[in-house]
Amino acid sequence: MLCGANSYEQKYFFNPDFKKLPQSVQDELHIICVLFTEEAGGIFTVLFEEDGGVTLETQAAEEDYLYDEVSAGLLLGEIRRKRAELLESLSLYYRAAVLKEDVTDLLEE
């Protein structure tokens, strides 16, 4: 997991394994996560897949009747559209820094 926010505990988590990401990126992720949970509730996480892809996930406690699945789905779509460049950059970072792939060909496209 890269980062996440939990509306039940009102906490934000950033995985220290990725502390080399620029502070501006860390700040942007913090804002995205917290705003998501304030709007839709539940738990929101940003994860790296094994192949370097970035996944956004949301879930809610079974007894959480205030969690809005429709809003959560719409927000996920909005984040994917409006933050596509950020998500792509995170994927490239993971592939280069963690998977040790040569991403120079991808950067030239």
N, C-alpha and C. Protein backbone atom coordinates (compact mmCIF):
# COMPACT_ATOMS: atom_id res chain seq x y z
N MET A 1 0.85 -1.18 0.00
CA MET A 1 0.00 0.00 0.00
C MET A 1 0.89 1.24 0.00
N LEU A 2 0.52 2.20 -0.82
CA LEU A 2 1.24 3.47 -0.88
C LEU A 2 0.72 4.40 0.22
N CYS A 3 -0.60 4.58 0.25
CA CYS A 3 -1.18 5.48 1.25
C CYS A 3 -2.67 5.21 1.38
N GLY A 4 -3.27 5.81 2.38
CA GLY A 4 -4.70 5.63 2.57
C GLY A 4 -5.23 6.51 3.68
N ALA A 5 -6.54 6.63 3.71
CA ALA A 5 -7.21 7.39 4.76
C ALA A 5 -8.39 6.58 5.27
N ASN A 6 -8.66 6.74 6.55
CA ASN A 6 -9.71 5.99 7.21
C ASN A 6 -10.64 6.98 7.90
N SER A 7 -11.88 7.06 7.44
CA SER A 7 -12.82 8.04 8.02
C SER A 7 -13.27 7.62 9.42
N TYR A 8 -13.19 6.35 9.74
CA TYR A 8 -13.64 5.87 11.05
C TYR A 8 -12.67 6.29 12.16
N GLU A 9 -11.38 6.23 11.84
CA GLU A 9 -10.36 6.62 12.82
C GLU A 9 -9.84 8.03 12.58
N GLN A 10 -10.30 8.64 11.50
CA GLN A 10 -9.85 9.96 11.08
C GLN A 10 -8.32 10.02 11.03
N LYS A 11 -7.76 9.05 10.29
CA LYS A 11 -6.31 8.96 10.17
C LYS A 11 -5.91 8.83 8.71
N TYR A 12 -4.70 9.31 8.44
CA TYR A 12 -4.08 9.18 7.13
C TYR A 12 -2.78 8.40 7.32
N PHE A 13 -2.47 7.51 6.38
CA PHE A 13 -1.24 6.73 6.45
C PHE A 13 -0.49 6.88 5.14
N PHE A 14 0.81 7.11 5.25
CA PHE A 14 1.69 7.11 4.07
C PHE A 14 2.80 6.12 4.35
N ASN A 15 2.98 5.17 3.44
CA ASN A 15 3.99 4.13 3.62
C ASN A 15 5.39 4.74 3.55
N PRO A 16 6.16 4.65 4.63
CA PRO A 16 7.50 5.24 4.65
C PRO A 16 8.46 4.62 3.64
N ASP A 17 8.12 3.47 3.07
CA ASP A 17 8.96 2.87 2.03
C ASP A 17 9.05 3.77 0.80
N PHE A 18 8.09 4.68 0.67
CA PHE A 18 8.04 5.56 -0.50
C PHE A 18 8.34 7.01 -0.15
N LYS A 19 9.08 7.23 0.93
CA LYS A 19 9.39 8.59 1.38
C LYS A 19 10.27 9.36 0.40
N LYS A 20 10.86 8.67 -0.59
CA LYS A 20 11.68 9.35 -1.59
C LYS A 20 10.84 10.04 -2.67
N LEU A 21 9.55 9.80 -2.66
CA LEU A 21 8.68 10.54 -3.58
C LEU A 21 8.76 12.02 -3.22
N PRO A 22 8.70 12.90 -4.20
CA PRO A 22 8.74 14.34 -3.90
C PRO A 22 7.65 14.73 -2.90
N GLN A 23 7.97 15.68 -2.05
CA GLN A 23 7.02 16.12 -1.03
C GLN A 23 5.72 16.62 -1.65
N SER A 24 5.81 17.26 -2.81
CA SER A 24 4.59 17.75 -3.46
C SER A 24 3.67 16.60 -3.85
N VAL A 25 4.22 15.47 -4.27
CA VAL A 25 3.43 14.28 -4.62
C VAL A 25 2.82 13.70 -3.35
N GLN A 26 3.63 13.62 -2.29
CA GLN A 26 3.11 13.12 -1.01
C GLN A 26 1.95 13.98 -0.52
N ASP A 27 2.11 15.29 -0.64
CA ASP A 27 1.06 16.21 -0.21
C ASP A 27 -0.21 16.03 -1.04
N GLU A 28 -0.04 15.87 -2.34
CA GLU A 28 -1.20 15.69 -3.23
C GLU A 28 -1.95 14.39 -2.89
N LEU A 29 -1.20 13.33 -2.63
CA LEU A 29 -1.82 12.06 -2.24
C LEU A 29 -2.57 12.20 -0.92
N HIS A 30 -1.99 12.94 0.01
CA HIS A 30 -2.64 13.18 1.30
C HIS A 30 -3.99 13.87 1.09
N ILE A 31 -3.99 14.90 0.28
CA ILE A 31 -5.21 15.66 0.00
C ILE A 31 -6.26 14.77 -0.67
N ILE A 32 -5.85 14.00 -1.67
CA ILE A 32 -6.78 13.12 -2.38
C ILE A 32 -7.44 12.13 -1.41
N CYS A 33 -6.63 11.49 -0.60
CA CYS A 33 -7.14 10.48 0.33
C CYS A 33 -8.11 11.07 1.35
N VAL A 34 -7.71 12.17 1.96
CA VAL A 34 -8.54 12.76 3.01
C VAL A 34 -9.84 13.31 2.43
N LEU A 35 -9.76 14.00 1.29
CA LEU A 35 -10.98 14.53 0.68
C LEU A 35 -11.93 13.41 0.27
N PHE A 36 -11.38 12.31 -0.21
CA PHE A 36 -12.23 11.18 -0.59
C PHE A 36 -13.02 10.69 0.62
N THR A 37 -12.34 10.46 1.74
CA THR A 37 -13.03 9.91 2.91
C THR A 37 -13.98 10.93 3.53
N GLU A 38 -13.67 12.21 3.40
CA GLU A 38 -14.61 13.22 3.90
C GLU A 38 -15.88 13.25 3.07
N GLU A 39 -15.74 13.03 1.78
CA GLU A 39 -16.89 13.07 0.87
C GLU A 39 -17.74 11.80 0.92
N ALA A 40 -17.06 10.65 0.80
CA ALA A 40 -17.80 9.38 0.69
C ALA A 40 -17.78 8.56 1.97
N GLY A 41 -16.82 8.81 2.84
CA GLY A 41 -16.68 8.00 4.05
C GLY A 41 -15.87 6.75 3.78
N GLY A 42 -15.86 5.86 4.74
CA GLY A 42 -15.17 4.58 4.57
C GLY A 42 -13.66 4.69 4.63
N ILE A 43 -13.03 3.78 3.93
CA ILE A 43 -11.57 3.69 3.87
C ILE A 43 -11.16 3.77 2.41
N PHE A 44 -10.16 4.59 2.13
CA PHE A 44 -9.67 4.79 0.77
C PHE A 44 -8.19 4.48 0.76
N THR A 45 -7.74 3.67 -0.20
CA THR A 45 -6.32 3.33 -0.29
C THR A 45 -5.82 3.44 -1.72
N VAL A 46 -4.55 3.77 -1.83
CA VAL A 46 -3.84 3.80 -3.11
C VAL A 46 -2.78 2.71 -3.01
N LEU A 47 -2.84 1.76 -3.95
CA LEU A 47 -1.97 0.59 -3.90
C LEU A 47 -1.18 0.45 -5.19
N PHE A 48 -0.01 -0.15 -5.07
CA PHE A 48 0.76 -0.55 -6.25
C PHE A 48 0.49 -2.02 -6.51
N GLU A 49 0.22 -2.35 -7.76
CA GLU A 49 0.08 -3.74 -8.18
C GLU A 49 1.48 -4.31 -8.40
N GLU A 50 1.59 -5.62 -8.49
CA GLU A 50 2.89 -6.25 -8.69
C GLU A 50 3.58 -5.79 -9.97
N ASP A 51 2.79 -5.48 -11.01
CA ASP A 51 3.37 -5.06 -12.28
C ASP A 51 3.64 -3.55 -12.34
N GLY A 52 3.36 -2.84 -11.25
CA GLY A 52 3.61 -1.41 -11.21
C GLY A 52 2.38 -0.56 -11.43
N GLY A 53 1.27 -1.17 -11.74
CA GLY A 53 0.03 -0.41 -11.90
C GLY A 53 -0.42 0.19 -10.57
N VAL A 54 -1.20 1.23 -10.65
CA VAL A 54 -1.72 1.89 -9.45
C VAL A 54 -3.22 1.62 -9.36
N THR A 55 -3.64 1.18 -8.19
CA THR A 55 -5.04 0.85 -7.95
C THR A 55 -5.60 1.74 -6.85
N LEU A 56 -6.81 2.22 -7.06
CA LEU A 56 -7.52 2.99 -6.03
C LEU A 56 -8.63 2.09 -5.50
N GLU A 57 -8.70 1.96 -4.18
CA GLU A 57 -9.72 1.10 -3.59
C GLU A 57 -10.47 1.84 -2.50
N THR A 58 -11.72 1.47 -2.34
CA THR A 58 -12.53 2.00 -1.26
C THR A 58 -13.35 0.87 -0.66
N GLN A 59 -13.56 0.97 0.62
CA GLN A 59 -14.38 -0.02 1.31
C GLN A 59 -15.02 0.64 2.51
N ALA A 60 -16.05 -0.01 3.01
CA ALA A 60 -16.78 0.52 4.16
C ALA A 60 -17.08 -0.60 5.14
N ALA A 61 -17.20 -0.22 6.39
CA ALA A 61 -17.60 -1.18 7.41
C ALA A 61 -19.04 -1.61 7.13
N GLU A 62 -19.35 -2.85 7.45
CA GLU A 62 -20.67 -3.39 7.18
C GLU A 62 -21.77 -2.56 7.84
N GLU A 63 -21.50 -2.05 9.02
CA GLU A 63 -22.52 -1.30 9.76
C GLU A 63 -22.55 0.20 9.40
N ASP A 64 -21.75 0.59 8.43
CA ASP A 64 -21.68 2.00 8.04
C ASP A 64 -22.79 2.32 7.04
N TYR A 65 -23.90 2.84 7.55
CA TYR A 65 -25.04 3.15 6.70
C TYR A 65 -24.91 4.53 6.05
N LEU A 66 -23.91 5.29 6.46
CA LEU A 66 -23.69 6.61 5.87
C LEU A 66 -22.76 6.56 4.65
N TYR A 67 -22.05 5.44 4.48
CA TYR A 67 -21.16 5.29 3.33
C TYR A 67 -21.99 5.32 2.05
N ASP A 68 -21.56 6.13 1.13
CA ASP A 68 -22.30 6.32 -0.12
C ASP A 68 -21.54 5.65 -1.26
N GLU A 69 -21.98 4.45 -1.64
CA GLU A 69 -21.31 3.71 -2.71
C GLU A 69 -21.33 4.44 -4.04
N VAL A 70 -22.44 5.10 -4.32
CA VAL A 70 -22.56 5.82 -5.59
C VAL A 70 -21.56 6.97 -5.63
N SER A 71 -21.53 7.77 -4.57
CA SER A 71 -20.56 8.87 -4.51
C SER A 71 -19.14 8.35 -4.57
N ALA A 72 -18.87 7.24 -3.88
CA ALA A 72 -17.53 6.66 -3.88
C ALA A 72 -17.12 6.26 -5.30
N GLY A 73 -18.02 5.63 -6.02
CA GLY A 73 -17.73 5.23 -7.39
C GLY A 73 -17.48 6.42 -8.31
N LEU A 74 -18.30 7.44 -8.14
CA LEU A 74 -18.12 8.66 -8.94
C LEU A 74 -16.80 9.35 -8.61
N LEU A 75 -16.47 9.39 -7.33
CA LEU A 75 -15.21 10.01 -6.91
C LEU A 75 -14.01 9.25 -7.45
N LEU A 76 -14.07 7.92 -7.43
CA LEU A 76 -12.97 7.12 -7.99
C LEU A 76 -12.76 7.45 -9.46
N GLY A 77 -13.85 7.53 -10.20
CA GLY A 77 -13.76 7.88 -11.61
C GLY A 77 -13.18 9.27 -11.83
N GLU A 78 -13.61 10.20 -11.00
CA GLU A 78 -13.11 11.58 -11.11
C GLU A 78 -11.61 11.64 -10.81
N ILE A 79 -11.17 10.93 -9.78
CA ILE A 79 -9.75 10.91 -9.44
C ILE A 79 -8.95 10.30 -10.59
N ARG A 80 -9.44 9.20 -11.13
CA ARG A 80 -8.73 8.55 -12.25
C ARG A 80 -8.61 9.48 -13.45
N ARG A 81 -9.65 10.26 -13.72
CA ARG A 81 -9.61 11.19 -14.87
C ARG A 81 -8.74 12.40 -14.58
N LYS A 82 -9.01 13.07 -13.46
CA LYS A 82 -8.33 14.33 -13.17
C LYS A 82 -6.89 14.14 -12.71
N ARG A 83 -6.58 13.00 -12.18
CA ARG A 83 -5.22 12.74 -11.65
C ARG A 83 -4.51 11.66 -12.46
N ALA A 84 -4.91 11.48 -13.71
CA ALA A 84 -4.31 10.44 -14.56
C ALA A 84 -2.80 10.62 -14.68
N GLU A 85 -2.36 11.85 -14.82
CA GLU A 85 -0.92 12.10 -14.96
C GLU A 85 -0.17 11.72 -13.68
N LEU A 86 -0.74 12.05 -12.54
CA LEU A 86 -0.13 11.68 -11.26
C LEU A 86 -0.06 10.16 -11.13
N LEU A 87 -1.14 9.47 -11.45
CA LEU A 87 -1.18 8.02 -11.32
C LEU A 87 -0.17 7.36 -12.27
N GLU A 88 -0.05 7.90 -13.47
CA GLU A 88 0.93 7.37 -14.43
C GLU A 88 2.35 7.61 -13.92
N SER A 89 2.60 8.77 -13.36
CA SER A 89 3.92 9.08 -12.80
C SER A 89 4.26 8.15 -11.64
N LEU A 90 3.28 7.86 -10.79
CA LEU A 90 3.50 6.95 -9.68
C LEU A 90 3.84 5.55 -10.21
N SER A 91 3.15 5.13 -11.24
CA SER A 91 3.42 3.82 -11.83
C SER A 91 4.84 3.77 -12.39
N LEU A 92 5.25 4.80 -13.10
CA LEU A 92 6.62 4.85 -13.64
C LEU A 92 7.64 4.85 -12.50
N TYR A 93 7.38 5.60 -11.46
CA TYR A 93 8.27 5.63 -10.30
C TYR A 93 8.43 4.23 -9.71
N TYR A 94 7.33 3.54 -9.50
CA TYR A 94 7.36 2.21 -8.91
C TYR A 94 8.13 1.24 -9.81
N ARG A 95 7.85 1.32 -11.10
CA ARG A 95 8.51 0.42 -12.04
C ARG A 95 10.02 0.67 -12.09
N ALA A 96 10.42 1.93 -11.99
CA ALA A 96 11.85 2.26 -12.05
C ALA A 96 12.54 2.02 -10.71
N ALA A 97 11.95 2.50 -9.62
CA ALA A 97 12.61 2.47 -8.32
C ALA A 97 12.49 1.12 -7.61
N VAL A 98 11.35 0.47 -7.74
CA VAL A 98 11.12 -0.77 -7.00
C VAL A 98 11.37 -1.99 -7.88
N LEU A 99 10.79 -2.00 -9.07
CA LEU A 99 10.94 -3.15 -9.95
C LEU A 99 12.24 -3.11 -10.75
N LYS A 100 12.91 -1.96 -10.71
CA LYS A 100 14.20 -1.76 -11.41
C LYS A 100 14.09 -1.98 -12.91
N GLU A 101 12.94 -1.59 -13.47
CA GLU A 101 12.74 -1.68 -14.92
C GLU A 101 13.41 -0.49 -15.59
N ASP A 102 13.80 -0.67 -16.83
CA ASP A 102 14.29 0.43 -17.64
C ASP A 102 13.08 1.10 -18.29
N VAL A 103 12.73 2.27 -17.80
CA VAL A 103 11.52 2.95 -18.28
C VAL A 103 11.83 4.06 -19.28
N THR A 104 13.06 4.12 -19.78
CA THR A 104 13.41 5.18 -20.71
C THR A 104 12.54 5.15 -21.97
N ASP A 105 12.23 3.96 -22.46
CA ASP A 105 11.37 3.86 -23.64
C ASP A 105 9.98 4.42 -23.35
N LEU A 106 9.48 4.19 -22.17
CA LEU A 106 8.16 4.70 -21.79
C LEU A 106 8.15 6.22 -21.66
N LEU A 107 9.25 6.78 -21.22
CA LEU A 107 9.34 8.23 -21.04
C LEU A 107 9.41 8.96 -22.37
N GLU A 108 9.90 8.30 -23.40
CA GLU A 108 10.03 8.94 -24.71
C GLU A 108 8.73 8.98 -25.48
N GLU A 109 7.74 8.19 -25.07
CA GLU A 109 6.47 8.13 -25.81
C GLU A 109 5.67 9.38 -25.66
